[in-house]
C-alpha atoms as a PDB file:
ATOM      1  CA  MET A   1      62.194  30.884 162.321  1.00  0.00           C
ATOM      2  CA  THR A   2      59.686  33.708 161.984  1.00  0.00           C
ATOM      3  CA  THR A   3      56.068  33.314 160.917  1.00  0.00           C
ATOM      4  CA  SER A   4      54.745  36.724 159.994  1.00  0.00           C
ATOM      5  CA  THR A   5      51.660  37.963 161.837  1.00  0.00           C
ATOM      6  CA  ARG A   6      50.880  40.152 158.859  1.00  0.00           C
ATOM      7  CA  THR A   7      49.833  38.813 155.490  1.00  0.00           C
ATOM      8  CA  PRO A   8      52.202  40.360 152.965  1.00  0.00           C
ATOM      9  CA  THR A   9      51.246  40.585 149.352  1.00  0.00           C
ATOM     10  CA  LEU A  10      53.513  39.052 146.754  1.00  0.00           C
ATOM     11  CA  ALA A  11      53.714  42.544 145.267  1.00  0.00           C
ATOM     12  CA  GLN A  12      55.718  43.486 148.373  1.00  0.00           C
ATOM     13  CA  LEU A  13      58.035  40.514 147.920  1.00  0.00           C
ATOM     14  CA  THR A  14      58.815  40.693 144.182  1.00  0.00           C
ATOM     15  CA  THR A  15      60.631  43.132 141.927  1.00  0.00           C
ATOM     16  CA  LEU A  16      57.698  43.359 139.484  1.00  0.00           C
ATOM     17  CA  ARG A  17      55.602  44.596 142.440  1.00  0.00           C
ATOM     18  CA  VAL A  18      52.520  42.628 141.394  1.00  0.00           C
ATOM     19  CA  GLY A  19      50.728  39.722 143.047  1.00  0.00           C
ATOM     20  CA  GLY A  20      48.080  39.148 145.688  1.00  0.00           C
ATOM     21  CA  PRO A  21      48.435  37.997 149.307  1.00  0.00           C
ATOM     22  CA  ALA A  22      50.393  35.070 150.656  1.00  0.00           C
ATOM     23  CA  GLY A  23      48.431  32.581 152.727  1.00  0.00           C
ATOM     24  CA  ARG A  24      51.242  32.233 155.280  1.00  0.00           C
ATOM     25  CA  TYR A  25      54.673  33.835 155.141  1.00  0.00           C
ATOM     26  CA  VAL A  26      57.652  32.256 156.915  1.00  0.00           C
ATOM     27  CA  GLU A  27      61.279  33.360 157.124  1.00  0.00           C
ATOM     28  CA  THR A  28      63.932  30.776 158.019  1.00  0.00           C
ATOM     29  CA  SER A  29      67.458  31.391 159.268  1.00  0.00           C
ATOM     30  CA  THR A  30      68.892  27.855 159.354  1.00  0.00           C
ATOM     31  CA  GLU A  31      68.949  24.933 156.967  1.00  0.00           C
ATOM     32  CA  ALA A  32      67.056  22.807 159.497  1.00  0.00           C
ATOM     33  CA  GLU A  33      64.283  25.410 159.705  1.00  0.00           C
ATOM     34  CA  LEU A  34      63.995  25.613 155.926  1.00  0.00           C
ATOM     35  CA  ILE A  35      63.736  21.842 155.559  1.00  0.00           C
ATOM     36  CA  ASP A  36      61.231  21.650 158.401  1.00  0.00           C
ATOM     37  CA  VAL A  37      58.931  24.236 156.773  1.00  0.00           C
ATOM     38  CA  VAL A  38      59.113  22.487 153.394  1.00  0.00           C
ATOM     39  CA  ARG A  39      58.569  19.030 154.862  1.00  0.00           C
ATOM     40  CA  SER A  40      55.701  20.181 157.096  1.00  0.00           C
ATOM     41  CA  ALA A  41      53.926  21.867 154.203  1.00  0.00           C
ATOM     42  CA  ASP A  42      54.338  18.795 152.023  1.00  0.00           C
ATOM     43  CA  ASP A  43      53.121  16.481 154.786  1.00  0.00           C
ATOM     44  CA  ALA A  44      50.047  18.668 155.283  1.00  0.00           C
ATOM     45  CA  GLY A  45      49.364  18.926 151.544  1.00  0.00           C
ATOM     46  CA  GLU A  46      49.761  22.710 151.649  1.00  0.00           C
ATOM     47  CA  PRO A  47      50.839  24.536 148.485  1.00  0.00           C
ATOM     48  CA  LEU A  48      54.420  25.754 148.859  1.00  0.00           C
ATOM     49  CA  LEU A  49      56.324  28.623 147.271  1.00  0.00           C
ATOM     50  CA  VAL A  50      60.020  28.955 148.072  1.00  0.00           C
ATOM     51  CA  LEU A  51      60.851  32.565 147.291  1.00  0.00           C
ATOM     52  CA  GLY A  52      64.270  34.123 146.941  1.00  0.00           C
ATOM     53  CA  ALA A  53      64.528  37.813 146.146  1.00  0.00           C
ATOM     54  CA  GLY A  54      61.420  37.628 143.950  1.00  0.00           C
ATOM     55  CA  SER A  55      63.275  38.940 140.908  1.00  0.00           C
ATOM     56  CA  ASN A  56      62.244  36.235 138.452  1.00  0.00           C
ATOM     57  CA  VAL A  57      58.621  35.556 139.323  1.00  0.00           C
ATOM     58  CA  LEU A  58      55.187  36.831 138.379  1.00  0.00           C
ATOM     59  CA  VAL A  59      52.398  35.978 140.837  1.00  0.00           C
ATOM     60  CA  SER A  60      48.696  36.263 140.011  1.00  0.00           C
ATOM     61  CA  ASP A  61      46.498  38.983 141.479  1.00  0.00           C
ATOM     62  CA  GLU A  62      44.761  36.295 143.548  1.00  0.00           C
ATOM     63  CA  GLY A  63      48.063  35.657 145.312  1.00  0.00           C
ATOM     64  CA  PHE A  64      49.249  32.338 146.680  1.00  0.00           C
ATOM     65  CA  ASP A  65      46.996  30.406 149.047  1.00  0.00           C
ATOM     66  CA  GLY A  66      49.723  28.423 150.751  1.00  0.00           C
ATOM     67  CA  VAL A  67      53.051  28.720 152.519  1.00  0.00           C
ATOM     68  CA  VAL A  68      55.567  31.230 151.181  1.00  0.00           C
ATOM     69  CA  VAL A  69      59.001  30.616 152.690  1.00  0.00           C
ATOM     70  CA  ARG A  70      62.082  32.772 152.326  1.00  0.00           C
ATOM     71  CA  ASP A  71      65.587  31.556 153.206  1.00  0.00           C
ATOM     72  CA  LEU A  72      67.521  34.289 155.035  1.00  0.00           C
ATOM     73  CA  ARG A  73      70.866  32.461 155.316  1.00  0.00           C
ATOM     74  CA  THR A  74      73.803  34.350 153.829  1.00  0.00           C
ATOM     75  CA  GLY A  75      77.555  34.083 153.598  1.00  0.00           C
ATOM     76  CA  VAL A  76      80.421  32.904 151.406  1.00  0.00           C
ATOM     77  CA  THR A  77      83.021  30.388 152.576  1.00  0.00           C
ATOM     78  CA  THR A  78      86.051  28.840 150.872  1.00  0.00           C
ATOM     79  CA  PRO A  79      86.438  25.262 152.165  1.00  0.00           C
ATOM     80  CA  ASP A  80      89.203  24.520 149.657  1.00  0.00           C
ATOM     81  CA  HIS A  81      91.803  26.895 148.226  1.00  0.00           C
ATOM     82  CA  SER A  82      94.265  25.297 145.829  1.00  0.00           C
ATOM     83  CA  ALA A  83      96.198  27.248 143.236  1.00  0.00           C
ATOM     84  CA  CYS A  84      96.121  24.236 140.914  1.00  0.00           C
ATOM     85  CA  ALA A  85      92.496  23.148 141.236  1.00  0.00           C
ATOM     86  CA  GLY A  86      91.162  26.630 141.869  1.00  0.00           C
ATOM     87  CA  VAL A  87      89.055  27.717 144.806  1.00  0.00           C
ATOM     88  CA  THR A  88      85.949  26.000 146.083  1.00  0.00           C
ATOM     89  CA  VAL A  89      83.352  28.555 147.170  1.00  0.00           C
ATOM     90  CA  ALA A  90      80.321  27.399 149.163  1.00  0.00           C
ATOM     91  CA  VAL A  91      77.241  29.628 149.358  1.00  0.00           C
ATOM     92  CA  PRO A  92      73.891  29.219 151.172  1.00  0.00           C
ATOM     93  CA  ALA A  93      70.884  29.591 148.907  1.00  0.00           C
ATOM     94  CA  GLY A  94      69.609  32.787 150.526  1.00  0.00           C
ATOM     95  CA  THR A  95      72.744  34.824 149.845  1.00  0.00           C
ATOM     96  CA  PRO A  96      72.180  37.691 147.386  1.00  0.00           C
ATOM     97  CA  TRP A  97      73.889  36.619 144.180  1.00  0.00           C
ATOM     98  CA  ASP A  98      75.714  39.887 143.597  1.00  0.00           C
ATOM     99  CA  ASP A  99      77.361  39.527 147.025  1.00  0.00           C
ATOM    100  CA  VAL A 100      78.930  36.323 145.714  1.00  0.00           C
ATOM    101  CA  VAL A 101      80.237  38.054 142.599  1.00  0.00           C
ATOM    102  CA  ALA A 102      81.582  40.970 144.624  1.00  0.00           C
ATOM    103  CA  HIS A 103      83.355  38.541 146.965  1.00  0.00           C
ATOM    104  CA  ALA A 104      84.882  36.661 144.037  1.00  0.00           C
ATOM    105  CA  VAL A 105      86.140  39.801 142.332  1.00  0.00           C
ATOM    106  CA  GLY A 106      87.421  41.234 145.625  1.00  0.00           C
ATOM    107  CA  THR A 107      89.435  38.083 146.359  1.00  0.00           C
ATOM    108  CA  ARG A 108      90.815  37.682 142.814  1.00  0.00           C
ATOM    109  CA  LEU A 109      88.651  34.756 141.796  1.00  0.00           C
ATOM    110  CA  TYR A 110      87.391  34.681 138.236  1.00  0.00           C
ATOM    111  CA  GLY A 111      84.568  32.885 136.472  1.00  0.00           C
ATOM    112  CA  VAL A 112      81.452  34.838 137.519  1.00  0.00           C
ATOM    113  CA  GLU A 113      82.498  38.469 136.996  1.00  0.00           C
ATOM    114  CA  ALA A 114      80.264  38.935 133.933  1.00  0.00           C
ATOM    115  CA  LEU A 115      77.283  37.955 136.108  1.00  0.00           C
ATOM    116  CA  SER A 116      77.627  41.139 138.189  1.00  0.00           C
ATOM    117  CA  GLY A 117      74.469  43.033 139.069  1.00  0.00           C
ATOM    118  CA  ILE A 118      72.029  40.172 138.477  1.00  0.00           C
ATOM    119  CA  PRO A 119      69.361  40.508 141.178  1.00  0.00           C
ATOM    120  CA  GLY A 120      68.079  37.539 143.119  1.00  0.00           C
ATOM    121  CA  SER A 121      69.295  34.905 145.517  1.00  0.00           C
ATOM    122  CA  THR A 122      72.120  32.455 144.919  1.00  0.00           C
ATOM    123  CA  GLY A 123      69.765  29.496 145.217  1.00  0.00           C
ATOM    124  CA  ALA A 124      67.858  30.644 142.140  1.00  0.00           C
ATOM    125  CA  THR A 125      70.905  30.859 139.873  1.00  0.00           C
ATOM    126  CA  PRO A 126      71.328  27.150 139.045  1.00  0.00           C
ATOM    127  CA  VAL A 127      67.574  26.687 138.568  1.00  0.00           C
ATOM    128  CA  GLN A 128      67.502  29.181 135.716  1.00  0.00           C
ATOM    129  CA  ASN A 129      71.152  28.734 134.761  1.00  0.00           C
ATOM    130  CA  VAL A 130      71.393  32.507 134.850  1.00  0.00           C
ATOM    131  CA  GLY A 131      73.678  34.082 132.333  1.00  0.00           C
ATOM    132  CA  ALA A 132      74.767  37.402 130.905  1.00  0.00           C
ATOM    133  CA  TYR A 133      77.507  38.856 128.739  1.00  0.00           C
ATOM    134  CA  GLY A 134      78.853  35.516 127.588  1.00  0.00           C
ATOM    135  CA  GLN A 135      78.921  33.747 130.956  1.00  0.00           C
ATOM    136  CA  ASP A 136      76.436  31.528 132.705  1.00  0.00           C
ATOM    137  CA  VAL A 137      76.547  30.138 136.202  1.00  0.00           C
ATOM    138  CA  ALA A 138      76.776  26.536 134.967  1.00  0.00           C
ATOM    139  CA  GLN A 139      80.352  27.250 133.878  1.00  0.00           C
ATOM    140  CA  SER A 140      81.361  27.564 137.537  1.00  0.00           C
ATOM    141  CA  ILE A 141      79.038  25.207 139.433  1.00  0.00           C
ATOM    142  CA  ALA A 142      80.496  22.029 140.894  1.00  0.00           C
ATOM    143  CA  THR A 143      77.576  20.765 143.009  1.00  0.00           C
ATOM    144  CA  VAL A 144      74.175  21.855 144.287  1.00  0.00           C
ATOM    145  CA  ARG A 145      72.868  20.543 147.607  1.00  0.00           C
ATOM    146  CA  THR A 146      69.093  20.237 147.659  1.00  0.00           C
ATOM    147  CA  TRP A 147      66.175  18.986 149.674  1.00  0.00           C
ATOM    148  CA  ASP A 148      64.574  16.381 147.422  1.00  0.00           C
ATOM    149  CA  ARG A 149      60.862  16.708 148.183  1.00  0.00           C
ATOM    150  CA  SER A 150      60.060  13.516 146.324  1.00  0.00           C
ATOM    151  CA  ARG A 151      62.464  11.375 148.344  1.00  0.00           C
ATOM    152  CA  GLY A 152      62.275  13.364 151.572  1.00  0.00           C
ATOM    153  CA  ARG A 153      66.022  13.695 152.014  1.00  0.00           C
ATOM    154  CA  VAL A 154      69.012  15.915 151.342  1.00  0.00           C
ATOM    155  CA  ARG A 155      70.534  15.161 147.958  1.00  0.00           C
ATOM    156  CA  THR A 156      73.681  16.577 146.407  1.00  0.00           C
ATOM    157  CA  LEU A 157      73.550  16.927 142.630  1.00  0.00           C
ATOM    158  CA  ALA A 158      76.840  16.977 140.744  1.00  0.00           C
ATOM    159  CA  PHE A 159      77.348  19.101 137.662  1.00  0.00           C
ATOM    160  CA  GLY A 160      76.633  16.238 135.273  1.00  0.00           C
ATOM    161  CA  GLU A 161      73.330  15.467 136.966  1.00  0.00           C
ATOM    162  CA  LEU A 162      72.059  19.027 136.726  1.00  0.00           C
ATOM    163  CA  ALA A 163      71.575  18.828 132.935  1.00  0.00           C
ATOM    164  CA  PHE A 164      72.242  22.509 132.320  1.00  0.00           C
ATOM    165  CA  ALA A 165      71.148  24.093 129.068  1.00  0.00           C
ATOM    166  CA  TYR A 166      70.240  27.594 127.920  1.00  0.00           C
ATOM    167  CA  ARG A 167      68.268  29.170 130.791  1.00  0.00           C
ATOM    168  CA  THR A 168      67.226  25.799 132.197  1.00  0.00           C
ATOM    169  CA  SER A 169      68.353  22.838 134.260  1.00  0.00           C
ATOM    170  CA  LEU A 170      67.076  19.666 135.863  1.00  0.00           C
ATOM    171  CA  LEU A 171      65.966  21.883 138.757  1.00  0.00           C
ATOM    172  CA  LYS A 172      63.823  24.082 136.536  1.00  0.00           C
ATOM    173  CA  ARG A 173      62.405  21.221 134.505  1.00  0.00           C
ATOM    174  CA  SER A 174      61.249  19.627 137.765  1.00  0.00           C
ATOM    175  CA  MET A 175      58.938  22.605 138.207  1.00  0.00           C
ATOM    176  CA  ARG A 176      56.719  21.368 135.383  1.00  0.00           C
ATOM    177  CA  VAL A 177      53.639  19.460 136.513  1.00  0.00           C
ATOM    178  CA  ASP A 178      54.787  16.942 133.897  1.00  0.00           C
ATOM    179  CA  PRO A 179      58.585  17.401 133.620  1.00  0.00           C
ATOM    180  CA  SER A 180      58.676  15.407 130.381  1.00  0.00           C
ATOM    181  CA  ASP A 181      56.342  17.868 128.635  1.00  0.00           C
ATOM    182  CA  PRO A 182      57.873  21.309 127.897  1.00  0.00           C
ATOM    183  CA  ARG A 183      54.361  22.752 127.503  1.00  0.00           C
ATOM    184  CA  SER A 184      53.142  21.393 130.842  1.00  0.00           C
ATOM    185  CA  PRO A 185      52.004  24.017 133.403  1.00  0.00           C
ATOM    186  CA  TRP A 186      54.438  25.210 136.050  1.00  0.00           C
ATOM    187  CA  SER A 187      54.295  24.167 139.670  1.00  0.00           C
ATOM    188  CA  PRO A 188      55.310  27.018 141.992  1.00  0.00           C
ATOM    189  CA  THR A 189      58.014  24.941 143.688  1.00  0.00           C
ATOM    190  CA  PRO A 190      60.446  22.474 142.127  1.00  0.00           C
ATOM    191  CA  ARG A 191      61.026  18.946 143.306  1.00  0.00           C
ATOM    192  CA  TYR A 192      64.442  20.120 144.491  1.00  0.00           C
ATOM    193  CA  VAL A 193      64.690  22.999 146.976  1.00  0.00           C
ATOM    194  CA  VAL A 194      68.198  24.428 146.746  1.00  0.00           C
ATOM    195  CA  LEU A 195      70.011  24.524 150.101  1.00  0.00           C
ATOM    196  CA  ASP A 196      73.443  25.673 148.971  1.00  0.00           C
ATOM    197  CA  LEU A 197      75.765  25.441 146.025  1.00  0.00           C
ATOM    198  CA  THR A 198      79.473  24.997 145.461  1.00  0.00           C
ATOM    199  CA  LEU A 199      81.333  26.991 142.849  1.00  0.00           C
ATOM    200  CA  GLN A 200      84.755  26.181 141.449  1.00  0.00           C
ATOM    201  CA  LEU A 201      86.563  29.404 140.589  1.00  0.00           C
ATOM    202  CA  ARG A 202      90.069  30.163 139.359  1.00  0.00           C
ATOM    203  CA  VAL A 203      92.646  32.442 140.952  1.00  0.00           C
ATOM    204  CA  GLY A 204      94.012  35.442 139.107  1.00  0.00           C
ATOM    205  CA  PRO A 205      93.716  39.200 138.609  1.00  0.00           C
ATOM    206  CA  LEU A 206      92.220  38.903 135.121  1.00  0.00           C
ATOM    207  CA  SER A 207      88.778  37.796 134.012  1.00  0.00           C
ATOM    208  CA  ALA A 208      87.859  34.744 132.033  1.00  0.00           C
ATOM    209  CA  PRO A 209      88.160  35.441 128.280  1.00  0.00           C
ATOM    210  CA  ILE A 210      85.583  38.045 127.298  1.00  0.00           C
ATOM    211  CA  ALA A 211      83.004  36.259 125.165  1.00  0.00           C
ATOM    212  CA  TYR A 212      80.448  38.996 124.475  1.00  0.00           C
ATOM    213  CA  ALA A 213      81.081  41.668 121.849  1.00  0.00           C
ATOM    214  CA  GLU A 214      79.231  44.475 123.672  1.00  0.00           C
ATOM    215  CA  LEU A 215      81.258  43.904 126.829  1.00  0.00           C
ATOM    216  CA  ALA A 216      84.483  43.660 124.848  1.00  0.00           C
ATOM    217  CA  ARG A 217      83.757  47.049 123.266  1.00  0.00           C
ATOM    218  CA  ALA A 218      83.048  48.594 126.661  1.00  0.00           C
ATOM    219  CA  LEU A 219      86.410  47.312 127.909  1.00  0.00           C
ATOM    220  CA  ASP A 220      88.242  48.218 124.677  1.00  0.00           C
ATOM    221  CA  VAL A 221      89.526  44.659 124.244  1.00  0.00           C
ATOM    222  CA  ALA A 222      88.994  42.038 121.566  1.00  0.00           C
ATOM    223  CA  VAL A 223      86.592  39.166 122.073  1.00  0.00           C
ATOM    224  CA  GLY A 224      88.599  36.353 123.627  1.00  0.00           C
ATOM    225  CA  GLU A 225      90.974  38.651 125.504  1.00  0.00           C
ATOM    226  CA  ARG A 226      90.991  39.057 129.276  1.00  0.00           C
ATOM    227  CA  ALA A 227      90.712  42.189 131.395  1.00  0.00           C
ATOM    228  CA  PRO A 228      91.206  43.147 135.057  1.00  0.00           C
ATOM    229  CA  LEU A 229      88.435  41.684 137.188  1.00  0.00           C
ATOM    230  CA  ALA A 230      87.373  44.959 138.781  1.00  0.00           C
ATOM    231  CA  GLU A 231      87.149  46.631 135.366  1.00  0.00           C
ATOM    232  CA  VAL A 232      84.955  43.843 134.023  1.00  0.00           C
ATOM    233  CA  ARG A 233      82.628  44.085 136.997  1.00  0.00           C
ATOM    234  CA  ALA A 234      82.390  47.869 136.679  1.00  0.00           C
ATOM    235  CA  ALA A 235      81.712  47.637 132.940  1.00  0.00           C
ATOM    236  CA  VAL A 236      78.988  45.015 133.395  1.00  0.00           C
ATOM    237  CA  LEU A 237      77.298  47.045 136.128  1.00  0.00           C
ATOM    238  CA  ALA A 238      77.355  50.127 133.902  1.00  0.00           C
ATOM    239  CA  LEU A 239      75.926  48.217 130.935  1.00  0.00           C
ATOM    240  CA  ARG A 240      73.187  46.693 133.059  1.00  0.00           C
ATOM    241  CA  ALA A 241      72.311  50.033 134.652  1.00  0.00           C
ATOM    242  CA  GLY A 242      71.999  51.559 131.197  1.00  0.00           C
ATOM    243  CA  LYS A 243      69.397  48.915 130.385  1.00  0.00           C
ATOM    244  CA  GLY A 244      67.459  49.298 133.646  1.00  0.00           C
ATOM    245  CA  MET A 245      68.735  45.922 134.835  1.00  0.00           C
ATOM    246  CA  VAL A 246      70.187  47.061 138.164  1.00  0.00           C
ATOM    247  CA  LEU A 247      67.520  47.572 140.798  1.00  0.00           C
ATOM    248  CA  ASP A 248      66.839  51.231 141.567  1.00  0.00           C
ATOM    249  CA  PRO A 249      63.681  52.198 143.509  1.00  0.00           C
ATOM    250  CA  THR A 250      63.669  55.602 141.822  1.00  0.00           C
ATOM    251  CA  ASP A 251      63.655  54.152 138.292  1.00  0.00           C
ATOM    252  CA  PRO A 252      60.395  52.502 137.098  1.00  0.00           C
ATOM    253  CA  ASP A 253      62.338  50.743 134.348  1.00  0.00           C
ATOM    254  CA  THR A 254      63.799  48.489 137.038  1.00  0.00           C
ATOM    255  CA  SER A 255      60.372  47.385 138.324  1.00  0.00           C
ATOM    256  CA  SER A 256      60.531  44.261 136.224  1.00  0.00           C
ATOM    257  CA  ALA A 257      61.433  40.589 136.319  1.00  0.00           C
ATOM    258  CA  GLY A 258      64.438  41.163 134.091  1.00  0.00           C
ATOM    259  CA  SER A 259      64.208  39.718 130.596  1.00  0.00           C
ATOM    260  CA  PHE A 260      60.617  38.549 130.248  1.00  0.00           C
ATOM    261  CA  PHE A 261      61.199  36.292 127.225  1.00  0.00           C
ATOM    262  CA  THR A 262      63.994  33.855 126.462  1.00  0.00           C
ATOM    263  CA  ASN A 263      65.831  33.922 123.160  1.00  0.00           C
ATOM    264  CA  PRO A 264      64.193  31.321 120.881  1.00  0.00           C
ATOM    265  CA  LEU A 265      66.127  28.177 119.936  1.00  0.00           C
ATOM    266  CA  LEU A 266      65.232  27.193 116.364  1.00  0.00           C
ATOM    267  CA  THR A 267      66.007  24.345 114.034  1.00  0.00           C
ATOM    268  CA  SER A 268      68.255  25.250 111.146  1.00  0.00           C
ATOM    269  CA  ALA A 269      65.268  24.969 108.809  1.00  0.00           C
ATOM    270  CA  ASP A 270      63.177  27.378 110.900  1.00  0.00           C
ATOM    271  CA  ALA A 271      66.081  29.786 111.258  1.00  0.00           C
ATOM    272  CA  ALA A 272      66.407  29.872 107.470  1.00  0.00           C
ATOM    273  CA  LEU A 273      62.906  31.361 107.293  1.00  0.00           C
ATOM    274  CA  LEU A 274      63.932  34.420 109.333  1.00  0.00           C
ATOM    275  CA  PRO A 275      64.636  37.712 107.539  1.00  0.00           C
ATOM    276  CA  ASP A 276      68.194  37.937 106.261  1.00  0.00           C
ATOM    277  CA  ASP A 277      69.190  40.515 108.872  1.00  0.00           C
ATOM    278  CA  ALA A 278      67.860  38.560 111.857  1.00  0.00           C
ATOM    279  CA  PRO A 279      70.529  37.587 114.410  1.00  0.00           C
ATOM    280  CA  ARG A 280      71.612  33.958 114.313  1.00  0.00           C
ATOM    281  CA  TYR A 281      73.940  32.232 116.790  1.00  0.00           C
ATOM    282  CA  PRO A 282      74.924  28.542 116.749  1.00  0.00           C
ATOM    283  CA  ALA A 283      73.473  26.933 119.881  1.00  0.00           C
ATOM    284  CA  GLY A 284      74.617  23.324 119.570  1.00  0.00           C
ATOM    285  CA  ASP A 285      72.765  20.135 118.658  1.00  0.00           C
ATOM    286  CA  GLY A 286      71.870  21.622 115.289  1.00  0.00           C
ATOM    287  CA  THR A 287      69.915  24.511 116.814  1.00  0.00           C
ATOM    288  CA  VAL A 288      70.195  28.218 116.148  1.00  0.00           C
ATOM    289  CA  LYS A 289      69.482  30.940 118.701  1.00  0.00           C
ATOM    290  CA  THR A 290      67.934  34.198 117.603  1.00  0.00           C
ATOM    291  CA  SER A 291      67.255  37.393 119.520  1.00  0.00           C
ATOM    292  CA  ALA A 292      63.906  37.804 121.255  1.00  0.00           C
ATOM    293  CA  ALA A 293      64.577  41.540 121.540  1.00  0.00           C
ATOM    294  CA  TRP A 294      65.112  41.810 117.769  1.00  0.00           C
ATOM    295  CA  LEU A 295      61.872  39.923 117.066  1.00  0.00           C
ATOM    296  CA  ILE A 296      59.928  42.074 119.521  1.00  0.00           C
ATOM    297  CA  GLU A 297      61.211  45.335 118.076  1.00  0.00           C
ATOM    298  CA  ARG A 298      60.623  44.236 114.471  1.00  0.00           C
ATOM    299  CA  ALA A 299      57.073  43.198 115.377  1.00  0.00           C
ATOM    300  CA  GLY A 300      56.353  46.783 116.439  1.00  0.00           C
ATOM    301  CA  PHE A 301      56.893  46.656 120.192  1.00  0.00           C
ATOM    302  CA  GLY A 302      59.778  49.018 120.762  1.00  0.00           C
ATOM    303  CA  ARG A 303      61.098  50.544 123.958  1.00  0.00           C
ATOM    304  CA  GLY A 304      58.354  52.326 125.859  1.00  0.00           C
ATOM    305  CA  TYR A 305      55.548  50.448 124.118  1.00  0.00           C
ATOM    306  CA  GLY A 306      52.461  50.695 126.302  1.00  0.00           C
ATOM    307  CA  LEU A 307      53.386  53.939 128.046  1.00  0.00           C
ATOM    308  CA  PRO A 308      52.136  55.530 130.196  1.00  0.00           C
ATOM    309  CA  GLY A 309      51.213  52.139 131.546  1.00  0.00           C
ATOM    310  CA  PRO A 310      50.341  50.867 134.045  1.00  0.00           C
ATOM    311  CA  ALA A 311      52.436  48.116 132.376  1.00  0.00           C
ATOM    312  CA  ALA A 312      54.824  48.947 129.550  1.00  0.00           C
ATOM    313  CA  VAL A 313      57.984  47.833 127.821  1.00  0.00           C
ATOM    314  CA  SER A 314      61.039  49.363 129.473  1.00  0.00           C
ATOM    315  CA  THR A 315      62.287  52.586 127.908  1.00  0.00           C
ATOM    316  CA  LYS A 316      65.814  51.146 128.131  1.00  0.00           C
ATOM    317  CA  HIS A 317      65.518  47.476 127.175  1.00  0.00           C
ATOM    318  CA  THR A 318      62.976  45.793 124.921  1.00  0.00           C
ATOM    319  CA  LEU A 319      62.979  42.495 126.822  1.00  0.00           C
ATOM    320  CA  ALA A 320      61.890  43.987 130.147  1.00  0.00           C
ATOM    321  CA  LEU A 321      58.187  44.427 130.898  1.00  0.00           C
ATOM    322  CA  THR A 322      57.779  46.979 133.650  1.00  0.00           C
ATOM    323  CA  ASN A 323      55.307  48.140 136.264  1.00  0.00           C
ATOM    324  CA  ARG A 324      55.063  51.892 135.794  1.00  0.00           C
ATOM    325  CA  GLY A 325      53.094  52.203 139.040  1.00  0.00           C
ATOM    326  CA  GLY A 326      49.890  50.516 140.099  1.00  0.00           C
ATOM    327  CA  ALA A 327      50.018  47.717 137.539  1.00  0.00           C
ATOM    328  CA  SER A 328      48.307  44.425 138.303  1.00  0.00           C
ATOM    329  CA  ALA A 329      49.600  41.007 137.338  1.00  0.00           C
ATOM    330  CA  GLN A 330      46.857  40.931 134.720  1.00  0.00           C
ATOM    331  CA  ASP A 331      48.151  44.185 133.230  1.00  0.00           C
ATOM    332  CA  VAL A 332      51.616  42.661 132.823  1.00  0.00           C
ATOM    333  CA  LEU A 333      50.207  39.439 131.376  1.00  0.00           C
ATOM    334  CA  THR A 334      48.036  41.330 128.899  1.00  0.00           C
ATOM    335  CA  LEU A 335      51.098  43.210 127.666  1.00  0.00           C
ATOM    336  CA  ALA A 336      53.114  39.980 127.473  1.00  0.00           C
ATOM    337  CA  ARG A 337      50.380  38.215 125.494  1.00  0.00           C
ATOM    338  CA  THR A 338      50.095  41.130 123.082  1.00  0.00           C
ATOM    339  CA  ILE A 339      53.827  40.966 122.385  1.00  0.00           C
ATOM    340  CA  ARG A 340      53.926  37.159 122.182  1.00  0.00           C
ATOM    341  CA  ASP A 341      50.998  37.056 119.758  1.00  0.00           C
ATOM    342  CA  GLY A 342      52.388  39.900 117.645  1.00  0.00           C
ATOM    343  CA  VAL A 343      55.739  38.164 117.247  1.00  0.00           C
ATOM    344  CA  SER A 344      53.989  34.891 116.433  1.00  0.00           C
ATOM    345  CA  ALA A 345      51.826  36.537 113.777  1.00  0.00           C
ATOM    346  CA  GLN A 346      54.778  38.197 112.056  1.00  0.00           C
ATOM    347  CA  PHE A 347      57.499  35.555 112.369  1.00  0.00           C
ATOM    348  CA  GLY A 348      55.750  32.303 113.272  1.00  0.00           C
ATOM    349  CA  ILE A 349      57.838  32.027 116.455  1.00  0.00           C
ATOM    350  CA  ARG A 350      56.240  31.631 119.868  1.00  0.00           C
ATOM    351  CA  LEU A 351      58.161  33.433 122.596  1.00  0.00           C
ATOM    352  CA  GLU A 352      58.428  31.672 125.956  1.00  0.00           C
ATOM    353  CA  PRO A 353      58.434  33.543 129.285  1.00  0.00           C
ATOM    354  CA  GLU A 354      61.561  33.499 131.409  1.00  0.00           C
ATOM    355  CA  PRO A 355      60.018  34.321 134.830  1.00  0.00           C
ATOM    356  CA  VAL A 356      58.223  31.638 136.824  1.00  0.00           C
ATOM    357  CA  LEU A 357      54.476  32.245 136.606  1.00  0.00           C
ATOM    358  CA  VAL A 358      52.632  31.445 139.851  1.00  0.00           C
ATOM    359  CA  GLY A 359      48.871  30.964 139.815  1.00  0.00           C
ATOM    360  CA  THR A 360      48.593  32.081 136.216  1.00  0.00           C
ATOM    361  CA  ALA A 361      49.751  31.264 132.708  1.00  0.00           C
ATOM    362  CA  LEU A 362      50.712  33.134 129.576  1.00  0.00           C
END
């Protein structure tokens, strides 16, 4: 375990490159060390922020006056390999997520190939139920091992207990100060600190059925058809790079937290009030999903809005709010509020942020 003698800023630890100093920064290399840091902070009443790759977080300019801990454990193991049941893949939380996808594709395991290029640590993926191009990680998760801060013990959560939904889970909902209130403020750390997760993947040279029209076009296949795993991964990486969604230190469009707003889920009655040409997708339980990007663009906030910055909408992707150089957290929040309020005024829909907001609120 390493406790840094320097005081890094959260801007140095996050992809948005904003955020003030950390009170104390600790890196852990074993599960026991990670649990010990979390338990010690909780026992002492110290604020705690468990940080992965910092790709889905926006920290205030005041920083975080507490313990910031980063899990450095990596690796992918296959404790069970059965052609009938598929392959069980176990991954420590600190492993970069794209390493997991690359391993799966390289060993002819399918189920996560459309999630190529998503930045961040593996431990963050079930919290957000990350998804892209017609796949989400919930489709492949079997269990998630956690440290339950409330009970002070290791707890394994099975798929059914994780209550996955669009861009959320039991893990994420536990980050609310009042988990029963969807408008309650966020706590920086959930009740459950992810230790590792187990994926159940299938064996074969072809992908899962392609479920996203844009990806199907890139592969020159029909929606519902399958394609070679390596080709799917390459196509996804190319699509993401074209939208500034693959990290590149030379490209300011990638200095973001990915998609800043989630796609709104509406009742059928509310969806009927949208303009006729607004996207509508059935989302289950009588809800309809529409496109946040479409709403943002139609409200007058197109690509590059806010240039030259210091904070501006990406020139490649309307959903990404970017740091063009020297932006503060307040600059990003001001831009986000302008967009949220503009969409609300025009369409009566309140956009919700996707990144975790630490020490601030939208």
